[in-house]
Each structure stands twice: as structure tokens, then as C-alpha cells.
Amino acid sequence: MPKFLLRANYTPTGMKGLLTEGGTGRREAVAKMIADVGGTLESFYFALGEDDVFMIADVPDNVSTAALSMMVCASGSATTRTTVLMTPEDMDRATGVHVDYRPPGR
């Protein structure tokens, strides 16, 4: 199952909800949301800095991951950024794929 790095930043409304619900409540809600699309939450961390939350999740596909992101963003409580993660074995397979590429200007 594909693995994703999910980053979230709370809006003022979302931060008010976090203050009410607490950190473990948010982690449980996110884990359930991901499970509802057939995935699993591997890790969930709050952070100080550019992003408020970092999560790693296994999600069945890009479409399910996009649906999660759209639902969170549409709520007005947070914005998200998603990165597809690849294993070293994925990279090994990628190095074996022949790609015919012509650089610009050549």
C-alpha cells in the first residue's frame, strides 16, 4: 500500500478545536478518517515551526489520499500538503526503468 507524508496547518478555527479536543482526540479522529478509506495511520506528531502536524499513513491510492485532503481543507479547519513516500526498493526498481529523455536545447 502506498505510503504518504501528510502535513497539516491549523486555521484559527481548527486551533480552537484542538484546544477543546486535545492532541490525542485529533490523532484518534485522523486515524478513523484514514481507516474509513482503507488506510492506516502509522505516526502522528505535532510540531513547532512551519507545519503544525506531521503524519505518515498507508493509504490505498492517490484518489483516496486526495479525498482525505479535500475533506480536511473543505472543513476550513486546516490546510494540508501531501508527499508520496518511496522505499529504497521502489528507487531500485525506478533505476531499472529505461526513459528516453532529451534535455532542453539538445
N, C-alpha and C. Protein backbone atom coordinates (compact mmCIF):
# COMPACT_ATOMS: atom_id res chain seq x y z
N MET A 1 0.85 -1.17 0.00
CA MET A 1 0.00 0.00 0.00
C MET A 1 0.90 1.23 0.00
N PRO A 2 0.58 2.23 -0.82
CA PRO A 2 1.39 3.45 -0.86
C PRO A 2 1.45 4.15 0.50
N LYS A 3 2.59 4.77 0.74
CA LYS A 3 2.82 5.48 2.00
C LYS A 3 2.93 6.96 1.68
N PHE A 4 2.32 7.79 2.55
CA PHE A 4 2.29 9.23 2.33
C PHE A 4 2.74 9.97 3.57
N LEU A 5 3.45 11.08 3.35
CA LEU A 5 3.74 12.05 4.39
C LEU A 5 2.68 13.13 4.26
N LEU A 6 1.92 13.33 5.30
CA LEU A 6 0.85 14.32 5.30
C LEU A 6 1.21 15.41 6.30
N ARG A 7 1.15 16.65 5.85
CA ARG A 7 1.43 17.78 6.73
C ARG A 7 0.16 18.62 6.81
N ALA A 8 -0.11 19.14 8.00
CA ALA A 8 -1.31 19.97 8.18
C ALA A 8 -0.96 21.22 8.97
N ASN A 9 -1.67 22.27 8.63
CA ASN A 9 -1.58 23.53 9.37
C ASN A 9 -2.98 23.95 9.76
N TYR A 10 -3.17 24.19 11.05
CA TYR A 10 -4.47 24.56 11.56
C TYR A 10 -4.78 26.02 11.23
N THR A 11 -6.04 26.27 10.90
CA THR A 11 -6.57 27.63 10.81
C THR A 11 -6.91 28.05 12.25
N PRO A 12 -7.25 29.31 12.47
CA PRO A 12 -7.68 29.69 13.82
C PRO A 12 -8.86 28.85 14.33
N THR A 13 -9.79 28.52 13.45
CA THR A 13 -10.92 27.68 13.85
C THR A 13 -10.44 26.28 14.26
N GLY A 14 -9.54 25.72 13.47
CA GLY A 14 -9.00 24.40 13.79
C GLY A 14 -8.21 24.40 15.08
N MET A 15 -7.48 25.47 15.34
CA MET A 15 -6.70 25.56 16.58
C MET A 15 -7.63 25.64 17.79
N LYS A 16 -8.75 26.35 17.64
CA LYS A 16 -9.73 26.40 18.74
C LYS A 16 -10.27 25.00 19.03
N GLY A 17 -10.53 24.24 17.97
CA GLY A 17 -10.99 22.86 18.14
C GLY A 17 -9.95 22.00 18.82
N LEU A 18 -8.68 22.18 18.45
CA LEU A 18 -7.59 21.43 19.09
C LEU A 18 -7.52 21.75 20.57
N LEU A 19 -7.67 23.02 20.92
CA LEU A 19 -7.64 23.41 22.33
C LEU A 19 -8.78 22.75 23.11
N THR A 20 -9.91 22.56 22.47
CA THR A 20 -11.06 21.92 23.12
C THR A 20 -10.89 20.41 23.22
N GLU A 21 -10.43 19.80 22.12
CA GLU A 21 -10.41 18.34 21.98
C GLU A 21 -9.12 17.70 22.47
N GLY A 22 -8.03 18.43 22.39
CA GLY A 22 -6.73 17.88 22.77
C GLY A 22 -6.05 17.12 21.64
N GLY A 23 -4.78 16.87 21.84
CA GLY A 23 -3.97 16.22 20.81
C GLY A 23 -4.36 14.77 20.54
N THR A 24 -4.63 14.00 21.59
CA THR A 24 -4.98 12.60 21.36
C THR A 24 -6.33 12.47 20.68
N GLY A 25 -7.22 13.41 20.96
CA GLY A 25 -8.52 13.40 20.27
C GLY A 25 -8.36 13.62 18.78
N ARG A 26 -7.46 14.52 18.40
CA ARG A 26 -7.22 14.76 16.97
C ARG A 26 -6.60 13.54 16.32
N ARG A 27 -5.61 12.93 17.02
CA ARG A 27 -4.96 11.74 16.45
C ARG A 27 -6.00 10.65 16.21
N GLU A 28 -6.89 10.43 17.17
CA GLU A 28 -7.92 9.39 17.02
C GLU A 28 -8.86 9.71 15.86
N ALA A 29 -9.25 10.98 15.72
CA ALA A 29 -10.15 11.37 14.63
C ALA A 29 -9.48 11.16 13.27
N VAL A 30 -8.21 11.52 13.17
CA VAL A 30 -7.48 11.34 11.90
C VAL A 30 -7.30 9.86 11.60
N ALA A 31 -6.95 9.06 12.60
CA ALA A 31 -6.79 7.62 12.39
C ALA A 31 -8.09 7.00 11.88
N LYS A 32 -9.23 7.43 12.44
CA LYS A 32 -10.51 6.90 11.98
C LYS A 32 -10.80 7.33 10.55
N MET A 33 -10.53 8.59 10.23
CA MET A 33 -10.77 9.09 8.88
C MET A 33 -9.96 8.29 7.86
N ILE A 34 -8.70 8.02 8.18
CA ILE A 34 -7.84 7.26 7.27
C ILE A 34 -8.31 5.82 7.17
N ALA A 35 -8.70 5.23 8.30
CA ALA A 35 -9.22 3.86 8.30
C ALA A 35 -10.49 3.74 7.46
N ASP A 36 -11.30 4.79 7.46
CA ASP A 36 -12.55 4.78 6.69
C ASP A 36 -12.32 4.65 5.20
N VAL A 37 -11.14 5.03 4.70
CA VAL A 37 -10.83 4.85 3.28
C VAL A 37 -9.93 3.64 3.05
N GLY A 38 -9.76 2.82 4.09
CA GLY A 38 -8.99 1.58 3.94
C GLY A 38 -7.51 1.71 4.28
N GLY A 39 -7.12 2.80 4.93
CA GLY A 39 -5.72 3.01 5.25
C GLY A 39 -5.43 2.87 6.74
N THR A 40 -4.17 3.11 7.09
CA THR A 40 -3.76 3.08 8.49
C THR A 40 -2.84 4.26 8.77
N LEU A 41 -2.99 4.84 9.93
CA LEU A 41 -2.13 5.91 10.38
C LEU A 41 -0.92 5.29 11.08
N GLU A 42 0.26 5.53 10.54
CA GLU A 42 1.48 4.97 11.11
C GLU A 42 2.03 5.85 12.23
N SER A 43 2.06 7.15 11.99
CA SER A 43 2.57 8.05 13.02
C SER A 43 1.89 9.40 12.90
N PHE A 44 1.84 10.11 14.03
CA PHE A 44 1.16 11.41 14.11
C PHE A 44 1.93 12.24 15.11
N TYR A 45 2.47 13.38 14.66
CA TYR A 45 3.25 14.26 15.54
C TYR A 45 2.83 15.70 15.36
N PHE A 46 2.71 16.41 16.48
CA PHE A 46 2.56 17.85 16.44
C PHE A 46 3.96 18.44 16.38
N ALA A 47 4.07 19.63 15.78
CA ALA A 47 5.38 20.24 15.61
C ALA A 47 5.29 21.74 15.83
N LEU A 48 6.41 22.31 16.18
CA LEU A 48 6.56 23.75 16.26
C LEU A 48 7.34 24.18 15.03
N GLY A 49 6.87 25.18 14.32
CA GLY A 49 7.57 25.62 13.12
C GLY A 49 6.61 25.83 11.97
N GLU A 50 7.07 25.54 10.78
CA GLU A 50 6.31 25.81 9.56
C GLU A 50 5.02 25.00 9.48
N ASP A 51 5.03 23.76 9.97
CA ASP A 51 3.85 22.90 9.93
C ASP A 51 3.42 22.56 11.35
N ASP A 52 2.11 22.40 11.55
CA ASP A 52 1.57 22.07 12.87
C ASP A 52 1.55 20.58 13.15
N VAL A 53 1.35 19.77 12.09
CA VAL A 53 1.21 18.33 12.26
C VAL A 53 1.94 17.61 11.13
N PHE A 54 2.64 16.53 11.49
CA PHE A 54 3.25 15.61 10.53
C PHE A 54 2.67 14.23 10.76
N MET A 55 2.23 13.58 9.69
CA MET A 55 1.67 12.23 9.78
C MET A 55 2.27 11.37 8.68
N ILE A 56 2.43 10.10 8.97
CA ILE A 56 2.76 9.12 7.95
C ILE A 56 1.63 8.12 7.95
N ALA A 57 1.09 7.85 6.75
CA ALA A 57 -0.05 6.95 6.64
C ALA A 57 0.09 6.06 5.42
N ASP A 58 -0.42 4.85 5.55
CA ASP A 58 -0.59 3.96 4.40
C ASP A 58 -2.02 4.16 3.93
N VAL A 59 -2.17 4.54 2.67
CA VAL A 59 -3.48 4.81 2.09
C VAL A 59 -3.55 4.04 0.78
N PRO A 60 -4.71 3.45 0.44
CA PRO A 60 -4.79 2.59 -0.73
C PRO A 60 -4.31 3.19 -2.05
N ASP A 61 -4.54 4.48 -2.28
CA ASP A 61 -4.18 5.06 -3.57
C ASP A 61 -4.23 6.58 -3.52
N ASN A 62 -3.80 7.20 -4.62
CA ASN A 62 -3.79 8.67 -4.70
C ASN A 62 -5.19 9.25 -4.62
N VAL A 63 -6.18 8.57 -5.18
CA VAL A 63 -7.54 9.08 -5.17
C VAL A 63 -8.06 9.16 -3.73
N SER A 64 -7.84 8.12 -2.95
CA SER A 64 -8.27 8.13 -1.54
C SER A 64 -7.54 9.22 -0.77
N THR A 65 -6.26 9.40 -1.06
CA THR A 65 -5.48 10.43 -0.37
C THR A 65 -5.98 11.82 -0.75
N ALA A 66 -6.32 12.02 -2.01
CA ALA A 66 -6.87 13.30 -2.45
C ALA A 66 -8.21 13.56 -1.76
N ALA A 67 -9.03 12.52 -1.61
CA ALA A 67 -10.33 12.69 -0.95
C ALA A 67 -10.14 13.12 0.51
N LEU A 68 -9.17 12.52 1.19
CA LEU A 68 -8.87 12.92 2.57
C LEU A 68 -8.49 14.39 2.63
N SER A 69 -7.58 14.78 1.75
CA SER A 69 -7.09 16.16 1.73
C SER A 69 -8.22 17.15 1.43
N MET A 70 -9.05 16.81 0.45
CA MET A 70 -10.15 17.71 0.09
C MET A 70 -11.13 17.88 1.25
N MET A 71 -11.42 16.79 1.96
CA MET A 71 -12.37 16.86 3.06
C MET A 71 -11.82 17.73 4.20
N VAL A 72 -10.53 17.55 4.50
CA VAL A 72 -9.92 18.36 5.57
C VAL A 72 -9.92 19.83 5.18
N CYS A 73 -9.47 20.12 3.97
CA CYS A 73 -9.39 21.52 3.53
C CYS A 73 -10.78 22.16 3.44
N ALA A 74 -11.77 21.39 2.97
CA ALA A 74 -13.13 21.92 2.84
C ALA A 74 -13.75 22.24 4.21
N SER A 75 -13.24 21.60 5.26
CA SER A 75 -13.78 21.86 6.60
C SER A 75 -13.44 23.25 7.10
N GLY A 76 -12.39 23.86 6.51
CA GLY A 76 -11.95 25.17 6.95
C GLY A 76 -11.12 25.14 8.22
N SER A 77 -10.83 23.95 8.73
CA SER A 77 -10.07 23.82 9.98
C SER A 77 -8.58 23.67 9.79
N ALA A 78 -8.17 23.27 8.58
CA ALA A 78 -6.74 23.05 8.33
C ALA A 78 -6.47 23.08 6.84
N THR A 79 -5.22 23.31 6.50
CA THR A 79 -4.74 23.13 5.14
C THR A 79 -3.77 21.96 5.18
N THR A 80 -3.58 21.31 4.04
CA THR A 80 -2.72 20.12 4.01
C THR A 80 -1.72 20.18 2.85
N ARG A 81 -0.66 19.42 3.02
CA ARG A 81 0.30 19.15 1.94
C ARG A 81 0.61 17.67 2.01
N THR A 82 0.71 17.03 0.86
CA THR A 82 0.90 15.59 0.79
C THR A 82 2.12 15.26 -0.05
N THR A 83 2.93 14.32 0.43
CA THR A 83 4.10 13.85 -0.29
C THR A 83 4.03 12.33 -0.38
N VAL A 84 4.17 11.79 -1.60
CA VAL A 84 4.23 10.35 -1.78
C VAL A 84 5.62 9.90 -1.32
N LEU A 85 5.66 8.88 -0.47
CA LEU A 85 6.93 8.35 0.01
C LEU A 85 7.27 7.07 -0.74
N MET A 86 8.56 6.89 -0.99
CA MET A 86 9.03 5.70 -1.72
C MET A 86 10.10 4.99 -0.90
N THR A 87 10.08 3.68 -0.95
CA THR A 87 11.08 2.88 -0.25
C THR A 87 12.36 2.82 -1.07
N PRO A 88 13.47 2.42 -0.46
CA PRO A 88 14.69 2.20 -1.25
C PRO A 88 14.47 1.16 -2.36
N GLU A 89 13.64 0.17 -2.09
CA GLU A 89 13.35 -0.84 -3.12
C GLU A 89 12.58 -0.24 -4.29
N ASP A 90 11.68 0.71 -4.01
CA ASP A 90 10.99 1.42 -5.08
C ASP A 90 12.01 2.15 -5.96
N MET A 91 12.98 2.79 -5.33
CA MET A 91 14.01 3.50 -6.09
C MET A 91 14.86 2.54 -6.90
N ASP A 92 15.15 1.36 -6.34
CA ASP A 92 15.89 0.34 -7.10
C ASP A 92 15.13 -0.03 -8.37
N ARG A 93 13.82 -0.22 -8.26
CA ARG A 93 13.01 -0.54 -9.44
C ARG A 93 13.01 0.63 -10.42
N ALA A 94 12.94 1.86 -9.90
CA ALA A 94 12.94 3.04 -10.77
C ALA A 94 14.23 3.15 -11.57
N THR A 95 15.35 2.79 -10.95
CA THR A 95 16.62 2.88 -11.68
C THR A 95 16.69 1.89 -12.83
N GLY A 96 15.85 0.85 -12.80
CA GLY A 96 15.83 -0.13 -13.87
C GLY A 96 14.89 0.19 -15.01
N VAL A 97 14.16 1.30 -14.90
CA VAL A 97 13.22 1.69 -15.95
C VAL A 97 13.96 2.57 -16.96
N HIS A 98 13.92 2.16 -18.23
CA HIS A 98 14.57 2.95 -19.27
C HIS A 98 13.65 4.11 -19.67
N VAL A 99 14.23 5.31 -19.65
CA VAL A 99 13.50 6.50 -20.04
C VAL A 99 14.31 7.19 -21.13
N ASP A 100 13.68 7.44 -22.28
CA ASP A 100 14.33 8.16 -23.37
C ASP A 100 14.05 9.65 -23.16
N TYR A 101 15.08 10.40 -22.77
CA TYR A 101 14.91 11.80 -22.42
C TYR A 101 15.90 12.66 -23.19
N ARG A 102 15.41 13.77 -23.75
CA ARG A 102 16.26 14.74 -24.40
C ARG A 102 16.22 16.02 -23.59
N PRO A 103 17.37 16.45 -23.01
CA PRO A 103 17.37 17.69 -22.24
C PRO A 103 17.01 18.90 -23.13
N PRO A 104 16.49 19.97 -22.53
CA PRO A 104 16.14 21.15 -23.30
C PRO A 104 17.36 21.70 -24.06
N GLY A 105 17.13 22.10 -25.30
CA GLY A 105 18.18 22.71 -26.09
C GLY A 105 19.16 21.74 -26.74
N ARG A 106 18.93 20.46 -26.65
CA ARG A 106 19.86 19.49 -27.27
C ARG A 106 19.20 18.72 -28.35
